[in-house]
Amino acid sequence: MSEIASEKDREALAPKIDVRELLLEAGLRSATAILLAAFAYAAVLQWLANPTRITLLLLVLASSLTLGLSLFVRVPKRRDWHPVTVFCSVGGTYYCLAVQLAPGEHLVPEMFGAGLQIVGILWQIYAKVSLRWSFGILPANRGIVSSGAYRFVRHPIYLGYFIADVGFLLTNFGVQNLLVYTGLYALQAVRINREEKLLSDDPEYRRYREKVRFRALPGVY
């Protein structure tokens, strides 16, 4: 009887699998893979037409770091599924699909914009390594990290996005891209605030927030 009872106790303590959430996760990751492949294909076609546009290849690389790596990260125990959060997270992640890939106006030389993109991408990698690659599309508590890039701002990955996006926009400027990136960072601001709200339930994060003042842009935000 004791063995039977202990078996039941183990089953009761074991985490329950939410089949609907697993199916949703599988659907999101499948859609992400398809959309990333379609975007990369369209961008590479534009680059083949004009191989001097290095910023296009770097845009594909930056998008792959965001979308591609999200296909392999672990599923967190708690995420924010609020409709506003989902809308901002999806819009802030898949924005690249709305970017005009055709040549735009060069406000700065191609190599200067590419240099900014490289800096932004390297900072993203540093931030993601600091986070031990525990990140995803929706805000979630994946553990509080205060080392590495997180010593400077509370959301350093977004800082990397911003630097890289500025580099692309300055060398591929146009009304469509200006509107896309303006809308993107309005969504990202809401996304950061939603993530802050979720993490603020954690006492460790509240202590971390007191030490690191700025969210994403040092001295500004």
Protein backbone atom coordinates (compact mmCIF):
# COMPACT_ATOMS: atom_id res chain seq x y z
CA MET A 1 0.00 0.00 0.00
CA SER A 2 2.84 2.39 0.82
CA GLU A 3 4.39 1.93 -2.64
CA ILE A 4 1.02 2.61 -4.28
CA ALA A 5 0.51 5.69 -2.13
CA SER A 6 3.97 7.06 -2.90
CA GLU A 7 3.36 6.52 -6.61
CA LYS A 8 0.17 8.56 -6.38
CA ASP A 9 2.01 11.27 -4.48
CA ARG A 10 4.64 11.50 -7.22
CA GLU A 11 1.94 11.77 -9.88
CA ALA A 12 0.22 14.53 -7.92
CA LEU A 13 3.46 16.48 -7.57
CA ALA A 14 4.49 16.06 -11.21
CA PRO A 15 3.80 19.14 -13.39
CA LYS A 16 0.71 18.81 -15.53
CA ILE A 17 1.18 19.14 -19.27
CA ASP A 18 -1.12 21.67 -20.91
CA VAL A 19 -1.77 20.09 -24.30
CA ARG A 20 -3.36 23.24 -25.71
CA GLU A 21 -0.35 25.34 -24.77
CA LEU A 22 2.01 22.77 -26.27
CA LEU A 23 0.03 22.81 -29.54
CA LEU A 24 0.04 26.61 -29.54
CA GLU A 25 3.79 26.63 -28.91
CA ALA A 26 4.35 24.16 -31.76
CA GLY A 27 2.17 26.27 -34.06
CA LEU A 28 3.99 29.49 -33.19
CA ARG A 29 7.40 27.95 -33.74
CA SER A 30 6.35 26.39 -37.06
CA ALA A 31 4.93 29.71 -38.27
CA THR A 32 8.10 31.48 -37.15
CA ALA A 33 10.29 29.09 -39.15
CA ILE A 34 8.18 29.54 -42.30
CA LEU A 35 8.05 33.35 -42.03
CA LEU A 36 11.77 33.62 -41.33
CA ALA A 37 12.58 31.47 -44.36
CA ALA A 38 10.29 33.56 -46.59
CA PHE A 39 11.77 36.83 -45.33
CA ALA A 40 15.36 35.63 -45.73
CA TYR A 41 14.61 34.45 -49.28
CA ALA A 42 13.13 37.84 -50.26
CA ALA A 43 16.04 39.75 -48.68
CA VAL A 44 18.70 37.59 -50.35
CA LEU A 45 17.02 38.11 -53.75
CA GLN A 46 17.30 41.86 -53.23
CA TRP A 47 20.93 41.48 -52.21
CA LEU A 48 21.75 39.39 -55.29
CA ALA A 49 20.38 42.22 -57.41
CA ASN A 50 22.81 44.60 -55.67
CA PRO A 51 25.59 42.83 -53.72
CA THR A 52 26.89 46.12 -52.30
CA ARG A 53 23.87 46.23 -49.94
CA ILE A 54 25.57 44.55 -46.99
CA THR A 55 22.89 45.93 -44.66
CA LEU A 56 20.37 43.50 -46.18
CA LEU A 57 22.45 40.48 -45.22
CA LEU A 58 22.98 41.90 -41.74
CA LEU A 59 19.23 42.44 -41.41
CA VAL A 60 18.72 38.76 -42.18
CA LEU A 61 21.35 37.84 -39.60
CA ALA A 62 19.74 40.07 -36.96
CA SER A 63 16.30 38.63 -37.69
CA SER A 64 17.68 35.11 -37.48
CA LEU A 65 19.13 35.87 -34.04
CA THR A 66 15.67 36.96 -32.89
CA LEU A 67 13.35 34.59 -34.72
CA GLY A 68 15.61 31.65 -35.44
CA LEU A 69 16.94 31.21 -31.92
CA SER A 70 13.44 31.52 -30.47
CA LEU A 71 12.68 28.17 -32.14
CA PHE A 72 15.02 26.36 -29.75
CA VAL A 73 14.64 28.09 -26.39
CA ARG A 74 12.98 26.31 -23.49
CA VAL A 75 9.34 26.94 -22.63
CA PRO A 76 9.11 29.00 -19.41
CA LYS A 77 6.75 28.12 -16.58
CA ARG A 78 4.99 31.47 -16.64
CA ARG A 79 4.37 33.87 -19.52
CA ASP A 80 2.22 36.92 -20.07
CA TRP A 81 -0.60 35.90 -22.43
CA HIS A 82 -2.50 39.19 -22.11
CA PRO A 83 -3.84 40.20 -25.60
CA VAL A 84 -1.98 43.54 -25.47
CA THR A 85 1.27 41.76 -24.63
CA VAL A 86 0.78 39.16 -27.37
CA PHE A 87 0.00 41.88 -29.95
CA CYS A 88 3.05 43.96 -29.03
CA SER A 89 5.34 40.94 -28.83
CA VAL A 90 4.24 39.54 -32.18
CA GLY A 91 4.40 42.97 -33.84
CA GLY A 92 7.78 43.71 -32.28
CA THR A 93 9.18 40.37 -33.43
CA TYR A 94 7.78 39.96 -36.92
CA TYR A 95 8.15 43.63 -37.91
CA CYS A 96 10.86 42.67 -40.41
CA LEU A 97 8.14 41.32 -42.71
CA ALA A 98 6.88 44.89 -43.19
CA VAL A 99 10.31 46.41 -43.88
CA GLN A 100 10.82 47.72 -47.40
CA LEU A 101 13.69 45.68 -48.82
CA ALA A 102 13.95 47.59 -52.09
CA PRO A 103 16.69 50.27 -52.17
CA GLY A 104 15.90 53.41 -50.24
CA GLU A 105 17.67 56.69 -49.63
CA HIS A 106 21.16 56.58 -48.11
CA LEU A 107 21.33 59.09 -45.26
CA VAL A 108 24.73 57.67 -44.36
CA PRO A 109 27.20 55.49 -46.31
CA GLU A 110 26.37 51.78 -46.53
CA MET A 111 29.39 50.74 -44.51
CA PHE A 112 28.55 53.16 -41.69
CA GLY A 113 25.06 51.70 -41.39
CA ALA A 114 26.51 48.19 -41.60
CA GLY A 115 28.95 49.08 -38.82
CA LEU A 116 26.08 50.11 -36.56
CA GLN A 117 24.29 46.87 -37.37
CA ILE A 118 27.35 44.83 -36.47
CA VAL A 119 27.68 46.66 -33.15
CA GLY A 120 24.00 46.06 -32.43
CA ILE A 121 24.20 42.38 -33.37
CA LEU A 122 27.31 41.80 -31.24
CA TRP A 123 25.60 43.51 -28.30
CA GLN A 124 22.52 41.30 -28.79
CA ILE A 125 24.71 38.20 -28.72
CA TYR A 126 26.48 39.42 -25.58
CA ALA A 127 23.13 40.12 -23.90
CA LYS A 128 21.70 36.75 -24.89
CA VAL A 129 24.79 34.94 -23.65
CA SER A 130 24.49 36.93 -20.40
CA LEU A 131 20.90 35.67 -20.19
CA ARG A 132 22.23 32.14 -20.83
CA TRP A 133 20.12 32.01 -24.02
CA SER A 134 16.96 31.89 -21.90
CA PHE A 135 14.74 34.26 -23.86
CA GLY A 136 11.67 34.20 -26.03
CA ILE A 137 9.01 36.20 -27.83
CA LEU A 138 6.55 36.64 -24.95
CA PRO A 139 7.56 38.29 -21.66
CA ALA A 140 8.27 35.68 -18.99
CA ASN A 141 10.17 35.16 -15.79
CA ARG A 142 13.03 32.93 -16.90
CA GLY A 143 15.17 33.77 -13.89
CA ILE A 144 16.69 37.09 -12.83
CA VAL A 145 20.08 37.90 -14.36
CA SER A 146 22.11 40.90 -13.17
CA SER A 147 25.53 40.15 -14.65
CA GLY A 148 27.09 40.71 -18.07
CA ALA A 149 25.11 43.13 -20.23
CA TYR A 150 22.47 43.33 -17.50
CA ARG A 151 24.82 45.41 -15.35
CA PHE A 152 24.19 48.40 -17.64
CA VAL A 153 20.47 48.33 -18.49
CA ARG A 154 17.61 46.03 -17.49
CA HIS A 155 16.69 45.06 -21.06
CA PRO A 156 19.97 45.12 -23.01
CA ILE A 157 18.70 42.93 -25.87
CA TYR A 158 16.34 45.74 -26.88
CA LEU A 159 19.29 48.14 -26.90
CA GLY A 160 21.00 45.83 -29.39
CA TYR A 161 17.87 45.77 -31.54
CA PHE A 162 17.73 49.56 -31.52
CA ILE A 163 21.35 50.08 -32.57
CA ALA A 164 21.07 47.56 -35.42
CA ASP A 165 17.72 48.97 -36.60
CA VAL A 166 19.08 52.52 -36.69
CA GLY A 167 21.94 51.31 -38.86
CA PHE A 168 19.57 49.69 -41.34
CA LEU A 169 17.13 52.60 -41.41
CA LEU A 170 19.83 55.21 -42.07
CA THR A 171 21.02 53.35 -45.15
CA ASN A 172 17.59 52.20 -46.36
CA PHE A 173 15.52 55.25 -45.55
CA GLY A 174 11.99 55.74 -46.84
CA VAL A 175 8.51 56.61 -45.59
CA GLN A 176 7.52 52.96 -45.23
CA ASN A 177 10.60 52.03 -43.23
CA LEU A 178 10.30 55.15 -41.06
CA LEU A 179 6.71 54.23 -40.22
CA VAL A 180 7.65 50.59 -39.59
CA TYR A 181 10.44 51.44 -37.16
CA THR A 182 8.43 54.18 -35.43
CA GLY A 183 5.60 51.71 -34.87
CA LEU A 184 8.08 49.03 -33.83
CA TYR A 185 9.54 51.04 -30.96
CA ALA A 186 6.12 52.14 -29.77
CA LEU A 187 5.31 48.42 -29.50
CA GLN A 188 8.66 47.66 -27.89
CA ALA A 189 8.07 50.29 -25.20
CA VAL A 190 4.74 48.68 -24.30
CA ARG A 191 6.38 45.26 -24.44
CA ILE A 192 9.11 46.32 -22.01
CA ASN A 193 6.58 47.83 -19.62
CA ARG A 194 4.50 44.62 -19.68
CA GLU A 195 7.63 42.59 -18.98
CA GLU A 196 8.53 44.91 -16.11
CA LYS A 197 5.05 44.42 -14.64
CA LEU A 198 5.41 40.64 -14.80
CA LEU A 199 8.90 40.60 -13.31
CA SER A 200 8.00 43.05 -10.55
CA ASP A 201 6.21 40.23 -8.73
CA ASP A 202 9.66 38.80 -8.05
CA PRO A 203 11.42 40.35 -4.99
CA GLU A 204 14.81 39.60 -6.57
CA TYR A 205 13.88 41.64 -9.63
CA ARG A 206 12.71 44.55 -7.48
CA ARG A 207 16.12 44.61 -5.78
CA TYR A 208 17.83 44.44 -9.17
CA ARG A 209 15.69 47.31 -10.47
CA GLU A 210 16.90 49.52 -7.64
CA LYS A 211 20.51 48.93 -8.68
CA VAL A 212 20.08 49.28 -12.47
CA ARG A 213 18.06 52.41 -13.13
CA PHE A 214 17.46 52.44 -16.89
CA ARG A 215 15.42 49.97 -18.91
CA ALA A 216 17.05 49.99 -22.34
CA LEU A 217 18.69 53.32 -23.25
CA PRO A 218 21.30 54.50 -20.71
CA GLY A 219 20.51 57.98 -19.47
CA VAL A 220 17.23 58.14 -21.41
CA TYR A 221 14.83 55.24 -20.78
